Amino acid sequence: MILLQTGPDEFLMGGTALSIAVSVDPDTSDGIAGIASVEEGSRVNGEWITARRLNGDQSDQGRAISLPDHRVALLRVRLYKSPGTNLP
């Protein structure tokens, strides 16, 4: 598996047979985090080409990303973070 950060909240993830869960660090934040979007595709001449966009069924409703176990895939993943309420 390879994971490359391409922007503040964007990553390219490539490989096979792996799942990654997304969350905030509870020691540093009380907000929530999740997956805003997942696209399967490729890079051609430095540009991203989307083959298909995955929906909530493939991203565990925005909580986890899974690479298939029967083939190599390249995913572009965008994350979001929502600040917490900081209640006492």
C-alpha atoms as a PDB file:
ATOM      1  CA  MET A   1       0.000   0.000   0.000  1.00  0.00           C
ATOM      2  CA  ILE A   2       1.098   3.532  -0.691  1.00  0.00           C
ATOM      3  CA  LEU A   3      -0.448   6.697   0.723  1.00  0.00           C
ATOM      4  CA  LEU A   4       0.458  10.131  -0.633  1.00  0.00           C
ATOM      5  CA  GLN A   5      -0.852  13.424   0.703  1.00  0.00           C
ATOM      6  CA  THR A   6      -1.661  15.656  -2.288  1.00  0.00           C
ATOM      7  CA  GLY A   7      -3.343  18.502  -0.403  1.00  0.00           C
ATOM      8  CA  PRO A   8      -4.397  19.592   3.099  1.00  0.00           C
ATOM      9  CA  ASP A   9      -7.313  17.112   3.154  1.00  0.00           C
ATOM     10  CA  GLU A  10      -6.612  15.022   0.045  1.00  0.00           C
ATOM     11  CA  PHE A  11      -4.740  11.735  -0.384  1.00  0.00           C
ATOM     12  CA  LEU A  12      -3.930   9.210  -3.085  1.00  0.00           C
ATOM     13  CA  MET A  13      -4.137   5.669  -1.785  1.00  0.00           C
ATOM     14  CA  GLY A  14      -2.968   2.728  -3.846  1.00  0.00           C
ATOM     15  CA  GLY A  15      -2.626  -0.974  -3.278  1.00  0.00           C
ATOM     16  CA  THR A  16      -4.723  -4.014  -2.470  1.00  0.00           C
ATOM     17  CA  ALA A  17      -6.479  -5.668   0.485  1.00  0.00           C
ATOM     18  CA  LEU A  18      -6.400  -2.910   3.093  1.00  0.00           C
ATOM     19  CA  SER A  19      -8.925  -0.920   5.139  1.00  0.00           C
ATOM     20  CA  ILE A  20      -8.279   2.408   6.841  1.00  0.00           C
ATOM     21  CA  ALA A  21     -10.648   4.035   9.349  1.00  0.00           C
ATOM     22  CA  VAL A  22     -10.900   7.826   9.666  1.00  0.00           C
ATOM     23  CA  SER A  23     -11.361   9.712  12.938  1.00  0.00           C
ATOM     24  CA  VAL A  24     -10.025  12.671  14.905  1.00  0.00           C
ATOM     25  CA  ASP A  25      -7.462  12.313  17.673  1.00  0.00           C
ATOM     26  CA  PRO A  26      -9.537  12.584  20.885  1.00  0.00           C
ATOM     27  CA  ASP A  27      -6.516  13.989  22.750  1.00  0.00           C
ATOM     28  CA  THR A  28      -6.349  17.042  20.478  1.00  0.00           C
ATOM     29  CA  SER A  29      -9.919  17.607  19.257  1.00  0.00           C
ATOM     30  CA  ASP A  30     -13.523  16.896  20.169  1.00  0.00           C
ATOM     31  CA  GLY A  31     -14.777  17.363  16.613  1.00  0.00           C
ATOM     32  CA  ILE A  32     -15.654  14.757  14.047  1.00  0.00           C
ATOM     33  CA  ALA A  33     -13.873  13.681  10.884  1.00  0.00           C
ATOM     34  CA  GLY A  34     -14.882  11.592   7.937  1.00  0.00           C
ATOM     35  CA  ILE A  35     -14.553  10.890   4.255  1.00  0.00           C
ATOM     36  CA  ALA A  36     -15.989  13.606   2.042  1.00  0.00           C
ATOM     37  CA  SER A  37     -15.438  11.710  -1.215  1.00  0.00           C
ATOM     38  CA  VAL A  38     -13.681   8.681  -2.701  1.00  0.00           C
ATOM     39  CA  GLU A  39     -12.902   8.305  -6.384  1.00  0.00           C
ATOM     40  CA  GLU A  40     -11.273   5.348  -8.085  1.00  0.00           C
ATOM     41  CA  GLY A  41      -9.160   6.245 -11.074  1.00  0.00           C
ATOM     42  CA  SER A  42      -5.688   6.884 -12.419  1.00  0.00           C
ATOM     43  CA  ARG A  43      -3.234   9.657 -13.137  1.00  0.00           C
ATOM     44  CA  VAL A  44      -2.463  10.369 -16.773  1.00  0.00           C
ATOM     45  CA  ASN A  45       0.117  13.030 -17.671  1.00  0.00           C
ATOM     46  CA  GLY A  46      -0.125  14.445 -14.150  1.00  0.00           C
ATOM     47  CA  GLU A  47      -3.932  14.756 -14.172  1.00  0.00           C
ATOM     48  CA  TRP A  48      -6.432  12.704 -12.217  1.00  0.00           C
ATOM     49  CA  ILE A  49      -8.882  10.694 -14.356  1.00  0.00           C
ATOM     50  CA  THR A  50     -11.936   9.446 -12.423  1.00  0.00           C
ATOM     51  CA  ALA A  51     -13.158   5.991 -13.438  1.00  0.00           C
ATOM     52  CA  ARG A  52     -15.884   5.837 -10.794  1.00  0.00           C
ATOM     53  CA  ARG A  53     -17.020   7.653  -7.679  1.00  0.00           C
ATOM     54  CA  LEU A  54     -17.647   5.489  -4.637  1.00  0.00           C
ATOM     55  CA  ASN A  55     -20.673   6.127  -2.450  1.00  0.00           C
ATOM     56  CA  GLY A  56     -21.445   5.600   1.229  1.00  0.00           C
ATOM     57  CA  ASP A  57     -21.854   1.840   0.836  1.00  0.00           C
ATOM     58  CA  GLN A  58     -18.215   1.558  -0.254  1.00  0.00           C
ATOM     59  CA  SER A  59     -16.899   3.976   2.407  1.00  0.00           C
ATOM     60  CA  ASP A  60     -18.803   2.652   5.434  1.00  0.00           C
ATOM     61  CA  GLN A  61     -20.905   5.825   5.427  1.00  0.00           C
ATOM     62  CA  GLY A  62     -17.783   8.010   5.374  1.00  0.00           C
ATOM     63  CA  ARG A  63     -15.900   6.222   8.155  1.00  0.00           C
ATOM     64  CA  ALA A  64     -13.491   3.826   6.367  1.00  0.00           C
ATOM     65  CA  ILE A  65     -11.803   3.208   3.034  1.00  0.00           C
ATOM     66  CA  SER A  66     -11.163  -0.285   1.709  1.00  0.00           C
ATOM     67  CA  LEU A  67      -8.904  -1.345  -1.119  1.00  0.00           C
ATOM     68  CA  PRO A  68     -10.173  -4.457  -2.926  1.00  0.00           C
ATOM     69  CA  ASP A  69      -8.484  -7.782  -2.209  1.00  0.00           C
ATOM     70  CA  HIS A  70      -8.661  -9.133  -5.766  1.00  0.00           C
ATOM     71  CA  ARG A  71      -6.953  -6.298  -7.688  1.00  0.00           C
ATOM     72  CA  VAL A  72      -4.775  -3.213  -7.268  1.00  0.00           C
ATOM     73  CA  ALA A  73      -6.684   0.081  -7.090  1.00  0.00           C
ATOM     74  CA  LEU A  74      -5.808   3.776  -6.901  1.00  0.00           C
ATOM     75  CA  LEU A  75      -8.173   5.978  -4.879  1.00  0.00           C
ATOM     76  CA  ARG A  76      -8.329   9.738  -4.422  1.00  0.00           C
ATOM     77  CA  VAL A  77      -9.730  10.387  -0.956  1.00  0.00           C
ATOM     78  CA  ARG A  78     -10.911  13.742   0.378  1.00  0.00           C
ATOM     79  CA  LEU A  79     -11.509  14.152   4.109  1.00  0.00           C
ATOM     80  CA  TYR A  80     -13.430  16.656   6.208  1.00  0.00           C
ATOM     81  CA  LYS A  81     -13.250  17.745   9.834  1.00  0.00           C
ATOM     82  CA  SER A  82     -15.978  19.463  11.778  1.00  0.00           C
ATOM     83  CA  PRO A  83     -15.039  21.284  14.982  1.00  0.00           C
ATOM     84  CA  GLY A  84     -16.546  20.098  18.241  1.00  0.00           C
ATOM     85  CA  THR A  85     -18.720  22.047  20.605  1.00  0.00           C
ATOM     86  CA  ASN A  86     -16.131  22.203  23.434  1.00  0.00           C
ATOM     87  CA  LEU A  87     -18.860  21.675  26.033  1.00  0.00           C
ATOM     88  CA  PRO A  88     -17.696  21.578  29.667  1.00  0.00           C
END
